[in-house]
């Protein structure tokens, strides 16, 4: 089973958190979600008013470090995959 993160304004990289600010991001440590939140949840909870986490996500702890344009690349990858279907 995939360990999906729960969309949030920041990725929290500790073993007790599911919070991720990366589109399609996985949960850290023991955190799990039973299903993928979907693009609607990503927009509402991560991008908030459009001024957060674009094109790069934010992180709180030492967990996963945001990479330049990580959210932009993740969204494009998902959109291309949809087009193939």
C-alpha atoms as a PDB file:
ATOM      1  CA  UNK A   1       0.000   0.000   0.000  1.00  0.00           C
ATOM      2  CA  UNK A   2       1.281   3.459  -0.873  1.00  0.00           C
ATOM      3  CA  UNK A   3       1.844   5.817   2.012  1.00  0.00           C
ATOM      4  CA  UNK A   4       0.263   9.051   0.886  1.00  0.00           C
ATOM      5  CA  UNK A   5       0.823  12.268   2.724  1.00  0.00           C
ATOM      6  CA  UNK A   6      -1.909  14.628   3.854  1.00  0.00           C
ATOM      7  CA  UNK A   7      -1.753  17.958   2.018  1.00  0.00           C
ATOM      8  CA  UNK A   8      -0.578  20.826   4.188  1.00  0.00           C
ATOM      9  CA  UNK A   9       1.054  24.255   3.859  1.00  0.00           C
ATOM     10  CA  UNK A  10       4.427  22.757   4.850  1.00  0.00           C
ATOM     11  CA  UNK A  11       6.055  19.333   4.726  1.00  0.00           C
ATOM     12  CA  UNK A  12       6.838  18.086   8.226  1.00  0.00           C
ATOM     13  CA  UNK A  13       9.647  15.556   8.054  1.00  0.00           C
ATOM     14  CA  UNK A  14       9.272  13.585  11.260  1.00  0.00           C
ATOM     15  CA  UNK A  15       8.079  10.071  11.996  1.00  0.00           C
ATOM     16  CA  UNK A  16       4.708  11.131  13.413  1.00  0.00           C
ATOM     17  CA  UNK A  17       3.534  13.425  10.633  1.00  0.00           C
ATOM     18  CA  UNK A  18       1.649  12.901   7.399  1.00  0.00           C
ATOM     19  CA  UNK A  19       1.906  16.561   6.332  1.00  0.00           C
ATOM     20  CA  UNK A  20       3.252  17.190   2.836  1.00  0.00           C
ATOM     21  CA  UNK A  21       3.354  20.315   0.678  1.00  0.00           C
ATOM     22  CA  UNK A  22       4.494  18.386  -2.397  1.00  0.00           C
ATOM     23  CA  UNK A  23       1.961  17.400  -5.040  1.00  0.00           C
ATOM     24  CA  UNK A  24       1.623  13.611  -4.773  1.00  0.00           C
ATOM     25  CA  UNK A  25       4.007  13.613  -1.791  1.00  0.00           C
ATOM     26  CA  UNK A  26       4.412  10.540   0.378  1.00  0.00           C
ATOM     27  CA  UNK A  27       3.986  10.382   4.148  1.00  0.00           C
ATOM     28  CA  UNK A  28       7.072  10.392   6.354  1.00  0.00           C
ATOM     29  CA  UNK A  29       7.782   7.785   8.999  1.00  0.00           C
ATOM     30  CA  UNK A  30       4.645   6.109  10.328  1.00  0.00           C
ATOM     31  CA  UNK A  31       2.151   8.562   8.871  1.00  0.00           C
ATOM     32  CA  UNK A  32      -0.260   7.187   6.286  1.00  0.00           C
ATOM     33  CA  UNK A  33      -3.375   8.196   4.408  1.00  0.00           C
ATOM     34  CA  UNK A  34      -5.564   5.499   2.916  1.00  0.00           C
ATOM     35  CA  UNK A  35      -6.114   7.385  -0.320  1.00  0.00           C
ATOM     36  CA  UNK A  36      -4.564  10.068  -2.437  1.00  0.00           C
ATOM     37  CA  UNK A  37      -6.069  13.479  -1.656  1.00  0.00           C
ATOM     38  CA  UNK A  38      -6.409  14.531  -5.270  1.00  0.00           C
ATOM     39  CA  UNK A  39      -5.665  17.766  -7.073  1.00  0.00           C
ATOM     40  CA  UNK A  40      -8.587  19.590  -5.431  1.00  0.00           C
ATOM     41  CA  UNK A  41      -7.114  18.973  -1.951  1.00  0.00           C
ATOM     42  CA  UNK A  42      -3.640  19.952  -3.156  1.00  0.00           C
ATOM     43  CA  UNK A  43      -4.934  23.301  -4.432  1.00  0.00           C
ATOM     44  CA  UNK A  44      -7.057  24.027  -1.342  1.00  0.00           C
ATOM     45  CA  UNK A  45      -4.673  22.924   1.399  1.00  0.00           C
ATOM     46  CA  UNK A  46      -1.224  23.447  -0.099  1.00  0.00           C
ATOM     47  CA  UNK A  47      -1.456  26.278  -2.589  1.00  0.00           C
ATOM     48  CA  UNK A  48      -3.976  28.097  -0.324  1.00  0.00           C
ATOM     49  CA  UNK A  49      -4.624  31.437  -2.027  1.00  0.00           C
ATOM     50  CA  UNK A  50      -2.115  30.799  -4.799  1.00  0.00           C
ATOM     51  CA  UNK A  51       0.782  32.510  -3.063  1.00  0.00           C
ATOM     52  CA  UNK A  52       2.170  29.464  -1.234  1.00  0.00           C
ATOM     53  CA  UNK A  53       4.173  26.421  -2.353  1.00  0.00           C
ATOM     54  CA  UNK A  54       4.426  27.367  -6.014  1.00  0.00           C
ATOM     55  CA  UNK A  55       6.538  26.517  -7.885  1.00  0.00           C
ATOM     56  CA  UNK A  56       8.486  25.088  -4.912  1.00  0.00           C
ATOM     57  CA  UNK A  57       7.145  23.441  -1.742  1.00  0.00           C
ATOM     58  CA  UNK A  58       8.120  24.394   1.813  1.00  0.00           C
ATOM     59  CA  UNK A  59       9.354  22.158   4.639  1.00  0.00           C
ATOM     60  CA  UNK A  60       9.557  22.603   8.425  1.00  0.00           C
ATOM     61  CA  UNK A  61      12.018  20.017   9.698  1.00  0.00           C
ATOM     62  CA  UNK A  62      15.100  18.266   8.417  1.00  0.00           C
ATOM     63  CA  UNK A  63      12.997  15.668   6.563  1.00  0.00           C
ATOM     64  CA  UNK A  64      12.771  16.047   2.826  1.00  0.00           C
ATOM     65  CA  UNK A  65      14.244  19.265   1.524  1.00  0.00           C
ATOM     66  CA  UNK A  66      12.272  21.105  -1.146  1.00  0.00           C
ATOM     67  CA  UNK A  67      13.880  21.078  -4.573  1.00  0.00           C
ATOM     68  CA  UNK A  68      13.645  23.966  -7.054  1.00  0.00           C
ATOM     69  CA  UNK A  69      10.326  23.801  -8.932  1.00  0.00           C
ATOM     70  CA  UNK A  70       9.359  20.504  -7.241  1.00  0.00           C
ATOM     71  CA  UNK A  71       5.611  21.208  -7.214  1.00  0.00           C
ATOM     72  CA  UNK A  72       5.596  22.550 -10.757  1.00  0.00           C
ATOM     73  CA  UNK A  73       7.377  19.400 -11.986  1.00  0.00           C
ATOM     74  CA  UNK A  74       5.057  17.107  -9.997  1.00  0.00           C
ATOM     75  CA  UNK A  75       1.918  18.746 -11.407  1.00  0.00           C
ATOM     76  CA  UNK A  76       3.231  18.578 -14.978  1.00  0.00           C
ATOM     77  CA  UNK A  77       4.148  14.902 -14.516  1.00  0.00           C
ATOM     78  CA  UNK A  78       0.622  14.128 -13.260  1.00  0.00           C
ATOM     79  CA  UNK A  79      -1.007  16.056 -16.118  1.00  0.00           C
ATOM     80  CA  UNK A  80       1.063  14.251 -18.750  1.00  0.00           C
ATOM     81  CA  UNK A  81       0.139  10.904 -17.167  1.00  0.00           C
ATOM     82  CA  UNK A  82      -3.566  11.837 -17.381  1.00  0.00           C
ATOM     83  CA  UNK A  83      -3.187  12.672 -21.052  1.00  0.00           C
ATOM     84  CA  UNK A  84      -1.827   9.165 -21.739  1.00  0.00           C
ATOM     85  CA  UNK A  85      -4.922   7.574 -20.254  1.00  0.00           C
END
